[in-house]
Amino acid sequence: MTLFSRLPRIAAAYAAAIVASALLLAAPTAVVAHEYEVGDLRIDHPWTRASPGIARIAGGYLTVANRGAAADRLVSVSAEIAGRTEIHEMAMAGGVMTMRQIPGGLAIPAGGELALQPGGLHLMFMDLRQPLKEGERFDATLTFETAGSVIVTFVVEAIAAGGKGHH
């Protein structure tokens, strides 16, 4: 068998290796950047931090972009890992951190964005059924006033994750 007769086989093996490499390189991107759509809304990268030991609460973070011509509102959230989930706001008042539930949900302006992030608006997963471990995932249902409901998957990141790189 000459080199020339083996060229099609070598080219096919080379092409398969390139495709496999591309798939492996794309896989981490799919894990880190995950987004969902419902109506005119795009939900980007739902995440939380790993919970320490016996902690019974965890914060949830994500961004909602409204590409529509009308405002919408995040009105409720439920998660399989928590007894209850609330929409919260954290603020500093006189050097004291305060956290409170926001009744009625959060507005997402037409053509605008709602960012839930550490140190501000966030979701609060309460009465955790088990500790959250880095690398795990869990589902939650976000309900919007106009767009309806969508199931999203939260990624559990490191306990010290600070939100850098999360939009």
C-alpha atoms as a PDB file:
ATOM      1  CA  MET A   1       0.000   0.000   0.000  1.00  0.00           C
ATOM      2  CA  THR A   2       1.482   3.310  -1.052  1.00  0.00           C
ATOM      3  CA  LEU A   3       1.319   6.592   0.771  1.00  0.00           C
ATOM      4  CA  PHE A   4      -1.004   7.980  -1.897  1.00  0.00           C
ATOM      5  CA  SER A   5      -3.503   5.159  -1.440  1.00  0.00           C
ATOM      6  CA  ARG A   6      -3.574   5.789   2.335  1.00  0.00           C
ATOM      7  CA  LEU A   7      -4.172   9.560   2.029  1.00  0.00           C
ATOM      8  CA  PRO A   8      -8.017   9.375   2.160  1.00  0.00           C
ATOM      9  CA  ARG A   9      -7.822   7.292   5.352  1.00  0.00           C
ATOM     10  CA  ILE A  10      -5.256   9.650   6.929  1.00  0.00           C
ATOM     11  CA  ALA A  11      -7.317  12.712   5.957  1.00  0.00           C
ATOM     12  CA  ALA A  12     -10.472  11.183   7.488  1.00  0.00           C
ATOM     13  CA  ALA A  13      -8.642  10.401  10.752  1.00  0.00           C
ATOM     14  CA  TYR A  14      -7.204  13.912  10.851  1.00  0.00           C
ATOM     15  CA  ALA A  15     -10.649  15.464  10.253  1.00  0.00           C
ATOM     16  CA  ALA A  16     -12.169  13.315  13.020  1.00  0.00           C
ATOM     17  CA  ALA A  17      -9.459  14.471  15.433  1.00  0.00           C
ATOM     18  CA  ILE A  18     -10.146  18.118  14.592  1.00  0.00           C
ATOM     19  CA  VAL A  19     -13.901  17.690  15.127  1.00  0.00           C
ATOM     20  CA  ALA A  20     -13.340  15.891  18.455  1.00  0.00           C
ATOM     21  CA  SER A  21     -10.977  18.639  19.616  1.00  0.00           C
ATOM     22  CA  ALA A  22     -13.473  21.340  18.679  1.00  0.00           C
ATOM     23  CA  LEU A  23     -16.208  19.577  20.642  1.00  0.00           C
ATOM     24  CA  LEU A  24     -13.980  19.270  23.713  1.00  0.00           C
ATOM     25  CA  LEU A  25     -13.054  22.952  23.529  1.00  0.00           C
ATOM     26  CA  ALA A  26     -16.704  23.960  23.170  1.00  0.00           C
ATOM     27  CA  ALA A  27     -17.872  21.874  26.141  1.00  0.00           C
ATOM     28  CA  PRO A  28     -16.555  24.177  28.924  1.00  0.00           C
ATOM     29  CA  THR A  29     -18.236  27.146  27.251  1.00  0.00           C
ATOM     30  CA  ALA A  30     -21.571  25.360  27.321  1.00  0.00           C
ATOM     31  CA  VAL A  31     -21.159  24.666  31.032  1.00  0.00           C
ATOM     32  CA  VAL A  32     -20.256  28.244  31.943  1.00  0.00           C
ATOM     33  CA  ALA A  33     -22.486  30.236  29.612  1.00  0.00           C
ATOM     34  CA  HIS A  34     -26.037  28.991  29.739  1.00  0.00           C
ATOM     35  CA  GLU A  35     -29.071  31.005  28.808  1.00  0.00           C
ATOM     36  CA  TYR A  36     -32.805  30.502  28.497  1.00  0.00           C
ATOM     37  CA  GLU A  37     -35.615  32.310  26.697  1.00  0.00           C
ATOM     38  CA  VAL A  38     -39.275  32.838  27.482  1.00  0.00           C
ATOM     39  CA  GLY A  39     -41.326  35.355  25.530  1.00  0.00           C
ATOM     40  CA  ASP A  40     -39.205  38.473  24.959  1.00  0.00           C
ATOM     41  CA  LEU A  41     -36.934  37.652  27.912  1.00  0.00           C
ATOM     42  CA  ARG A  42     -33.470  36.105  27.904  1.00  0.00           C
ATOM     43  CA  ILE A  43     -32.179  34.702  31.213  1.00  0.00           C
ATOM     44  CA  ASP A  44     -28.407  34.475  31.351  1.00  0.00           C
ATOM     45  CA  HIS A  45     -26.197  32.274  33.553  1.00  0.00           C
ATOM     46  CA  PRO A  46     -28.200  31.364  36.679  1.00  0.00           C
ATOM     47  CA  TRP A  47     -25.692  30.553  39.431  1.00  0.00           C
ATOM     48  CA  THR A  48     -25.245  30.251  43.169  1.00  0.00           C
ATOM     49  CA  ARG A  49     -22.403  29.616  45.584  1.00  0.00           C
ATOM     50  CA  ALA A  50     -21.621  26.375  47.359  1.00  0.00           C
ATOM     51  CA  SER A  51     -23.103  26.451  50.849  1.00  0.00           C
ATOM     52  CA  PRO A  52     -20.894  26.043  53.907  1.00  0.00           C
ATOM     53  CA  GLY A  53     -21.616  23.100  56.205  1.00  0.00           C
ATOM     54  CA  ILE A  54     -25.028  23.355  57.791  1.00  0.00           C
ATOM     55  CA  ALA A  55     -26.138  26.593  56.103  1.00  0.00           C
ATOM     56  CA  ARG A  56     -29.863  26.566  55.351  1.00  0.00           C
ATOM     57  CA  ILE A  57     -29.850  29.470  52.862  1.00  0.00           C
ATOM     58  CA  ALA A  58     -28.136  30.395  49.586  1.00  0.00           C
ATOM     59  CA  GLY A  59     -28.332  33.329  47.180  1.00  0.00           C
ATOM     60  CA  GLY A  60     -29.218  32.979  43.514  1.00  0.00           C
ATOM     61  CA  TYR A  61     -27.948  35.232  40.754  1.00  0.00           C
ATOM     62  CA  LEU A  62     -28.712  35.770  37.054  1.00  0.00           C
ATOM     63  CA  THR A  63     -29.454  38.445  34.495  1.00  0.00           C
ATOM     64  CA  VAL A  64     -32.723  38.945  32.631  1.00  0.00           C
ATOM     65  CA  ALA A  65     -32.683  40.973  29.412  1.00  0.00           C
ATOM     66  CA  ASN A  66     -36.012  42.209  28.038  1.00  0.00           C
ATOM     67  CA  ARG A  67     -35.850  42.485  24.255  1.00  0.00           C
ATOM     68  CA  GLY A  68     -39.529  43.416  23.997  1.00  0.00           C
ATOM     69  CA  ALA A  69     -41.398  46.702  23.685  1.00  0.00           C
ATOM     70  CA  ALA A  70     -43.249  46.236  27.005  1.00  0.00           C
ATOM     71  CA  ALA A  71     -42.010  45.874  30.566  1.00  0.00           C
ATOM     72  CA  ASP A  72     -42.367  42.556  32.377  1.00  0.00           C
ATOM     73  CA  ARG A  73     -41.949  41.505  35.993  1.00  0.00           C
ATOM     74  CA  LEU A  74     -40.281  38.576  37.791  1.00  0.00           C
ATOM     75  CA  VAL A  75     -43.066  37.685  40.223  1.00  0.00           C
ATOM     76  CA  SER A  76     -41.980  34.389  41.802  1.00  0.00           C
ATOM     77  CA  VAL A  77     -39.377  31.656  41.929  1.00  0.00           C
ATOM     78  CA  SER A  78     -39.450  28.075  43.151  1.00  0.00           C
ATOM     79  CA  ALA A  79     -36.553  25.627  43.384  1.00  0.00           C
ATOM     80  CA  GLU A  80     -36.340  21.907  43.977  1.00  0.00           C
ATOM     81  CA  ILE A  81     -33.521  22.333  46.520  1.00  0.00           C
ATOM     82  CA  ALA A  82     -35.328  24.750  48.841  1.00  0.00           C
ATOM     83  CA  GLY A  83     -38.398  24.724  51.052  1.00  0.00           C
ATOM     84  CA  ARG A  84     -39.119  28.221  49.781  1.00  0.00           C
ATOM     85  CA  THR A  85     -37.528  30.795  47.513  1.00  0.00           C
ATOM     86  CA  GLU A  86     -37.929  34.562  47.736  1.00  0.00           C
ATOM     87  CA  ILE A  87     -36.882  37.596  45.731  1.00  0.00           C
ATOM     88  CA  HIS A  88     -34.633  39.739  47.974  1.00  0.00           C
ATOM     89  CA  GLU A  89     -32.745  42.983  48.206  1.00  0.00           C
ATOM     90  CA  MET A  90     -29.591  43.505  50.240  1.00  0.00           C
ATOM     91  CA  ALA A  91     -28.610  47.010  51.273  1.00  0.00           C
ATOM     92  CA  MET A  92     -26.250  48.748  53.681  1.00  0.00           C
ATOM     93  CA  ALA A  93     -27.841  51.265  56.049  1.00  0.00           C
ATOM     94  CA  GLY A  94     -25.649  53.018  58.635  1.00  0.00           C
ATOM     95  CA  GLY A  95     -22.975  50.332  58.330  1.00  0.00           C
ATOM     96  CA  VAL A  96     -25.517  47.559  58.903  1.00  0.00           C
ATOM     97  CA  MET A  97     -26.410  45.071  56.189  1.00  0.00           C
ATOM     98  CA  THR A  98     -30.138  44.614  55.765  1.00  0.00           C
ATOM     99  CA  MET A  99     -31.926  42.027  53.692  1.00  0.00           C
ATOM    100  CA  ARG A 100     -35.604  42.028  52.875  1.00  0.00           C
ATOM    101  CA  GLN A 101     -38.054  40.260  50.645  1.00  0.00           C
ATOM    102  CA  ILE A 102     -39.424  42.345  47.789  1.00  0.00           C
ATOM    103  CA  PRO A 103     -43.170  41.807  47.618  1.00  0.00           C
ATOM    104  CA  GLY A 104     -44.651  41.985  44.140  1.00  0.00           C
ATOM    105  CA  GLY A 105     -41.417  41.016  42.394  1.00  0.00           C
ATOM    106  CA  LEU A 106     -39.007  42.977  40.235  1.00  0.00           C
ATOM    107  CA  ALA A 107     -39.634  44.973  37.053  1.00  0.00           C
ATOM    108  CA  ILE A 108     -37.690  44.318  33.878  1.00  0.00           C
ATOM    109  CA  PRO A 109     -38.027  47.459  31.723  1.00  0.00           C
ATOM    110  CA  ALA A 110     -38.744  47.220  27.993  1.00  0.00           C
ATOM    111  CA  GLY A 111     -35.410  47.052  26.190  1.00  0.00           C
ATOM    112  CA  GLY A 112     -33.673  46.899  29.584  1.00  0.00           C
ATOM    113  CA  GLU A 113     -32.068  44.464  31.949  1.00  0.00           C
ATOM    114  CA  LEU A 114     -32.473  43.168  35.492  1.00  0.00           C
ATOM    115  CA  ALA A 115     -29.255  42.007  37.177  1.00  0.00           C
ATOM    116  CA  LEU A 116     -29.455  39.817  40.278  1.00  0.00           C
ATOM    117  CA  GLN A 117     -25.966  39.766  41.778  1.00  0.00           C
ATOM    118  CA  PRO A 118     -24.095  39.506  45.079  1.00  0.00           C
ATOM    119  CA  GLY A 119     -24.499  42.601  47.226  1.00  0.00           C
ATOM    120  CA  GLY A 120     -27.792  43.708  45.708  1.00  0.00           C
ATOM    121  CA  LEU A 121     -30.918  42.195  44.278  1.00  0.00           C
ATOM    122  CA  HIS A 122     -30.889  38.393  44.433  1.00  0.00           C
ATOM    123  CA  LEU A 123     -32.927  35.257  44.949  1.00  0.00           C
ATOM    124  CA  MET A 124     -32.884  33.661  48.383  1.00  0.00           C
ATOM    125  CA  PHE A 125     -33.120  29.864  48.530  1.00  0.00           C
ATOM    126  CA  MET A 126     -34.335  29.117  52.067  1.00  0.00           C
ATOM    127  CA  ASP A 127     -34.676  25.899  54.054  1.00  0.00           C
ATOM    128  CA  LEU A 128     -32.152  24.108  51.838  1.00  0.00           C
ATOM    129  CA  ARG A 129     -32.843  20.381  51.681  1.00  0.00           C
ATOM    130  CA  GLN A 130     -29.106  19.620  51.466  1.00  0.00           C
ATOM    131  CA  PRO A 131     -25.809  21.523  51.236  1.00  0.00           C
ATOM    132  CA  LEU A 132     -24.956  22.898  47.805  1.00  0.00           C
ATOM    133  CA  LYS A 133     -21.649  21.563  46.476  1.00  0.00           C
ATOM    134  CA  GLU A 134     -19.472  23.181  43.828  1.00  0.00           C
ATOM    135  CA  GLY A 135     -20.109  21.710  40.390  1.00  0.00           C
ATOM    136  CA  GLU A 136     -23.651  20.579  41.145  1.00  0.00           C
ATOM    137  CA  ARG A 137     -26.722  21.857  39.317  1.00  0.00           C
ATOM    138  CA  PHE A 138     -30.371  22.225  40.224  1.00  0.00           C
ATOM    139  CA  ASP A 139     -33.544  23.381  38.530  1.00  0.00           C
ATOM    140  CA  ALA A 140     -35.687  26.361  39.462  1.00  0.00           C
ATOM    141  CA  THR A 141     -38.829  27.812  37.923  1.00  0.00           C
ATOM    142  CA  LEU A 142     -38.918  31.548  37.249  1.00  0.00           C
ATOM    143  CA  THR A 143     -42.385  33.036  36.770  1.00  0.00           C
ATOM    144  CA  PHE A 144     -42.854  36.325  34.925  1.00  0.00           C
ATOM    145  CA  GLU A 145     -46.024  38.395  34.858  1.00  0.00           C
ATOM    146  CA  THR A 146     -46.306  38.502  31.056  1.00  0.00           C
ATOM    147  CA  ALA A 147     -43.830  35.993  29.606  1.00  0.00           C
ATOM    148  CA  GLY A 148     -44.954  33.128  31.854  1.00  0.00           C
ATOM    149  CA  SER A 149     -42.788  30.460  33.479  1.00  0.00           C
ATOM    150  CA  VAL A 150     -39.489  28.908  32.483  1.00  0.00           C
ATOM    151  CA  ILE A 151     -37.345  26.223  34.117  1.00  0.00           C
ATOM    152  CA  VAL A 152     -33.669  27.193  34.373  1.00  0.00           C
ATOM    153  CA  THR A 153     -30.673  25.311  35.723  1.00  0.00           C
ATOM    154  CA  PHE A 154     -28.516  26.950  38.385  1.00  0.00           C
ATOM    155  CA  VAL A 155     -24.819  26.060  38.473  1.00  0.00           C
ATOM    156  CA  VAL A 156     -23.249  25.835  41.946  1.00  0.00           C
ATOM    157  CA  GLU A 157     -19.930  27.680  41.865  1.00  0.00           C
ATOM    158  CA  ALA A 158     -17.153  27.981  44.460  1.00  0.00           C
ATOM    159  CA  ILE A 159     -18.088  29.141  47.940  1.00  0.00           C
ATOM    160  CA  ALA A 160     -16.043  32.317  47.403  1.00  0.00           C
ATOM    161  CA  ALA A 161     -17.356  33.068  43.884  1.00  0.00           C
ATOM    162  CA  GLY A 162     -17.826  36.805  43.646  1.00  0.00           C
ATOM    163  CA  GLY A 163     -19.696  37.173  40.436  1.00  0.00           C
ATOM    164  CA  LYS A 164     -16.731  38.351  38.360  1.00  0.00           C
ATOM    165  CA  GLY A 165     -17.388  37.543  34.753  1.00  0.00           C
ATOM    166  CA  HIS A 166     -21.077  37.043  35.350  1.00  0.00           C
ATOM    167  CA  HIS A 167     -23.284  39.383  33.414  1.00  0.00           C
END
